[in-house]
Amino acid sequence: MGKIKEEKLTRANVDENDPEEWARYREQLLDRAEGRIKTAVKELQEFGIMDENGHPVKKELPPDMKPRSKTDV
């Protein structure tokens, strides 16, 4: 027999009064967040913004972000 597919819990369907279900919901949130963080870090490294240790490659601000820039929002 195949595996039983676990229900994807959402804020709308999680039973907050069930500690086990609430823990599963929080674990699912953390798993999804971890995936998004890994994707963002990979992109920052590919763009040359962040090194493999998580440090910014450039420390200088772009010209339009410097304090004396005449650019505004």
C-alpha atoms as a PDB file:
ATOM      1  CA  MET A   1       0.000   0.000   0.000  1.00  0.00           C
ATOM      2  CA  GLY A   2       1.128   3.567  -0.657  1.00  0.00           C
ATOM      3  CA  LYS A   3       1.833   6.254   1.862  1.00  0.00           C
ATOM      4  CA  ILE A   4      -1.043   8.273   3.213  1.00  0.00           C
ATOM      5  CA  LYS A   5      -0.636  11.843   2.042  1.00  0.00           C
ATOM      6  CA  GLU A   6      -0.534  14.181   5.028  1.00  0.00           C
ATOM      7  CA  GLU A   7      -2.969  17.070   4.862  1.00  0.00           C
ATOM      8  CA  LYS A   8      -1.361  20.450   4.269  1.00  0.00           C
ATOM      9  CA  LEU A   9      -2.417  22.536   7.216  1.00  0.00           C
ATOM     10  CA  THR A  10      -3.242  26.200   6.796  1.00  0.00           C
ATOM     11  CA  ARG A  11      -4.207  28.948   9.201  1.00  0.00           C
ATOM     12  CA  ALA A  12      -7.799  28.432   8.064  1.00  0.00           C
ATOM     13  CA  ASN A  13      -7.982  24.697   8.786  1.00  0.00           C
ATOM     14  CA  VAL A  14      -5.602  24.127  11.723  1.00  0.00           C
ATOM     15  CA  ASP A  15      -7.200  23.309  15.069  1.00  0.00           C
ATOM     16  CA  GLU A  16      -5.455  25.660  17.490  1.00  0.00           C
ATOM     17  CA  ASN A  17      -6.845  23.684  20.419  1.00  0.00           C
ATOM     18  CA  ASP A  18      -5.075  20.496  19.310  1.00  0.00           C
ATOM     19  CA  PRO A  19      -1.412  20.762  20.414  1.00  0.00           C
ATOM     20  CA  GLU A  20      -0.249  18.004  18.042  1.00  0.00           C
ATOM     21  CA  GLU A  21      -1.960  19.539  15.018  1.00  0.00           C
ATOM     22  CA  TRP A  22      -0.683  23.006  15.958  1.00  0.00           C
ATOM     23  CA  ALA A  23       2.866  21.589  16.206  1.00  0.00           C
ATOM     24  CA  ARG A  24       2.513  19.947  12.755  1.00  0.00           C
ATOM     25  CA  TYR A  25       1.263  23.261  11.328  1.00  0.00           C
ATOM     26  CA  ARG A  26       4.227  25.160  12.785  1.00  0.00           C
ATOM     27  CA  GLU A  27       6.625  22.510  11.445  1.00  0.00           C
ATOM     28  CA  GLN A  28       5.105  22.862   7.964  1.00  0.00           C
ATOM     29  CA  LEU A  29       5.530  26.647   8.167  1.00  0.00           C
ATOM     30  CA  LEU A  30       9.173  26.282   9.176  1.00  0.00           C
ATOM     31  CA  ASP A  31       9.845  23.801   6.369  1.00  0.00           C
ATOM     32  CA  ARG A  32       8.357  26.149   3.759  1.00  0.00           C
ATOM     33  CA  ALA A  33      10.254  29.122   5.193  1.00  0.00           C
ATOM     34  CA  GLU A  34      13.519  27.183   5.103  1.00  0.00           C
ATOM     35  CA  GLY A  35      12.979  26.446   1.414  1.00  0.00           C
ATOM     36  CA  ARG A  36      12.326  30.127   0.623  1.00  0.00           C
ATOM     37  CA  ILE A  37      15.398  31.214   2.593  1.00  0.00           C
ATOM     38  CA  LYS A  38      17.649  28.713   0.786  1.00  0.00           C
ATOM     39  CA  THR A  39      16.327  29.934  -2.573  1.00  0.00           C
ATOM     40  CA  ALA A  40      16.917  33.592  -1.641  1.00  0.00           C
ATOM     41  CA  VAL A  41      20.466  32.906  -0.408  1.00  0.00           C
ATOM     42  CA  LYS A  42      21.281  30.990  -3.597  1.00  0.00           C
ATOM     43  CA  GLU A  43      20.008  33.878  -5.728  1.00  0.00           C
ATOM     44  CA  LEU A  44      21.997  36.455  -3.738  1.00  0.00           C
ATOM     45  CA  GLN A  45      25.138  34.362  -4.224  1.00  0.00           C
ATOM     46  CA  GLU A  46      24.460  33.898  -7.956  1.00  0.00           C
ATOM     47  CA  PHE A  47      24.007  37.673  -8.375  1.00  0.00           C
ATOM     48  CA  GLY A  48      27.316  38.276  -6.581  1.00  0.00           C
ATOM     49  CA  ILE A  49      25.679  40.138  -3.730  1.00  0.00           C
ATOM     50  CA  MET A  50      26.533  37.638  -0.979  1.00  0.00           C
ATOM     51  CA  ASP A  51      29.539  35.333  -0.553  1.00  0.00           C
ATOM     52  CA  GLU A  52      29.394  31.695   0.612  1.00  0.00           C
ATOM     53  CA  ASN A  53      29.648  32.839   4.256  1.00  0.00           C
ATOM     54  CA  GLY A  54      26.660  35.178   3.985  1.00  0.00           C
ATOM     55  CA  HIS A  55      28.698  38.378   3.896  1.00  0.00           C
ATOM     56  CA  PRO A  56      28.024  41.155   1.391  1.00  0.00           C
ATOM     57  CA  VAL A  57      30.513  41.180  -1.473  1.00  0.00           C
ATOM     58  CA  LYS A  58      30.434  44.962  -1.837  1.00  0.00           C
ATOM     59  CA  LYS A  59      30.294  47.240   1.144  1.00  0.00           C
ATOM     60  CA  GLU A  60      29.928  50.483  -0.804  1.00  0.00           C
ATOM     61  CA  LEU A  61      26.480  51.881  -1.474  1.00  0.00           C
ATOM     62  CA  PRO A  62      25.422  52.546  -5.062  1.00  0.00           C
ATOM     63  CA  PRO A  63      25.664  56.244  -6.014  1.00  0.00           C
ATOM     64  CA  ASP A  64      21.919  56.847  -5.780  1.00  0.00           C
ATOM     65  CA  MET A  65      21.823  55.547  -2.187  1.00  0.00           C
ATOM     66  CA  LYS A  66      24.669  57.611  -0.799  1.00  0.00           C
ATOM     67  CA  PRO A  67      23.753  60.302   1.735  1.00  0.00           C
ATOM     68  CA  ARG A  68      24.531  63.221  -0.586  1.00  0.00           C
ATOM     69  CA  SER A  69      22.623  61.815  -3.550  1.00  0.00           C
ATOM     70  CA  LYS A  70      20.000  64.074  -5.077  1.00  0.00           C
ATOM     71  CA  THR A  71      17.826  61.018  -5.799  1.00  0.00           C
ATOM     72  CA  ASP A  72      14.692  60.683  -3.734  1.00  0.00           C
ATOM     73  CA  VAL A  73      11.653  58.492  -3.672  1.00  0.00           C
END
